[in-house]
């Protein structure tokens, strides 16, 4: 599987959590016969959520 955002490939590993701006052009190429499932949460970003991601990146 190959995921592209804004024309650049983004490597997404199982078990990871990503924040991506899907307002930008994006696509997924799945040349396999195996279906893939991704959970996407569409939400408003507020100070609380920014803090969650900041702490995750900083390992706290």
Protein backbone atom coordinates (compact mmCIF):
# COMPACT_ATOMS: atom_id res chain seq x y z
CA UNK A 1 0.00 0.00 0.00
CA UNK A 2 1.20 3.52 -0.74
CA UNK A 3 -0.41 6.62 0.73
CA UNK A 4 0.20 10.05 -0.79
CA UNK A 5 -0.61 13.47 0.66
CA UNK A 6 0.07 16.64 -1.28
CA UNK A 7 1.97 14.62 -3.89
CA UNK A 8 4.40 13.12 -1.35
CA UNK A 9 4.38 9.56 -0.04
CA UNK A 10 3.62 9.17 3.67
CA UNK A 11 4.68 5.86 5.23
CA UNK A 12 2.04 4.75 7.74
CA UNK A 13 2.98 1.83 10.00
CA UNK A 14 0.49 -0.41 11.85
CA UNK A 15 -0.30 0.86 15.33
CA UNK A 16 0.77 4.45 14.66
CA UNK A 17 -1.42 7.51 15.06
CA UNK A 18 -1.10 10.36 12.56
CA UNK A 19 -2.50 13.85 12.20
CA UNK A 20 -2.85 14.64 8.48
CA UNK A 21 -4.57 17.50 6.66
CA UNK A 22 -7.01 15.76 4.33
CA UNK A 23 -8.03 19.08 2.85
CA UNK A 24 -4.89 18.63 0.75
CA UNK A 25 -5.02 16.29 -2.28
CA UNK A 26 -4.51 12.68 -1.19
CA UNK A 27 -4.76 9.14 -2.51
CA UNK A 28 -4.06 5.53 -1.56
CA UNK A 29 -2.72 2.89 -3.94
CA UNK A 30 -3.42 -0.71 -2.87
CA UNK A 31 -2.11 -3.06 -5.55
CA UNK A 32 -2.72 -6.08 -3.30
CA UNK A 33 -5.73 -8.41 -3.21
CA UNK A 34 -5.87 -7.86 0.57
CA UNK A 35 -8.34 -5.25 1.80
CA UNK A 36 -6.92 -2.60 4.13
CA UNK A 37 -8.87 -0.74 6.78
CA UNK A 38 -7.90 2.63 8.23
CA UNK A 39 -9.75 4.44 10.99
CA UNK A 40 -10.17 8.14 10.30
CA UNK A 41 -11.43 10.62 12.88
CA UNK A 42 -12.75 13.87 11.46
CA UNK A 43 -12.63 16.41 14.27
CA UNK A 44 -12.07 20.02 15.14
CA UNK A 45 -8.58 20.68 16.47
CA UNK A 46 -8.58 22.55 19.76
CA UNK A 47 -5.99 23.25 22.48
CA UNK A 48 -6.74 19.95 24.24
CA UNK A 49 -6.11 17.89 21.08
CA UNK A 50 -2.96 19.88 20.25
CA UNK A 51 -1.69 19.05 23.74
CA UNK A 52 -2.44 15.34 23.23
CA UNK A 53 -0.34 15.27 20.06
CA UNK A 54 2.44 17.38 21.59
CA UNK A 55 2.71 15.03 24.56
CA UNK A 56 2.68 11.98 22.24
CA UNK A 57 5.49 13.39 20.10
CA UNK A 58 7.53 14.29 23.19
CA UNK A 59 6.93 10.87 24.79
CA UNK A 60 4.99 12.13 27.81
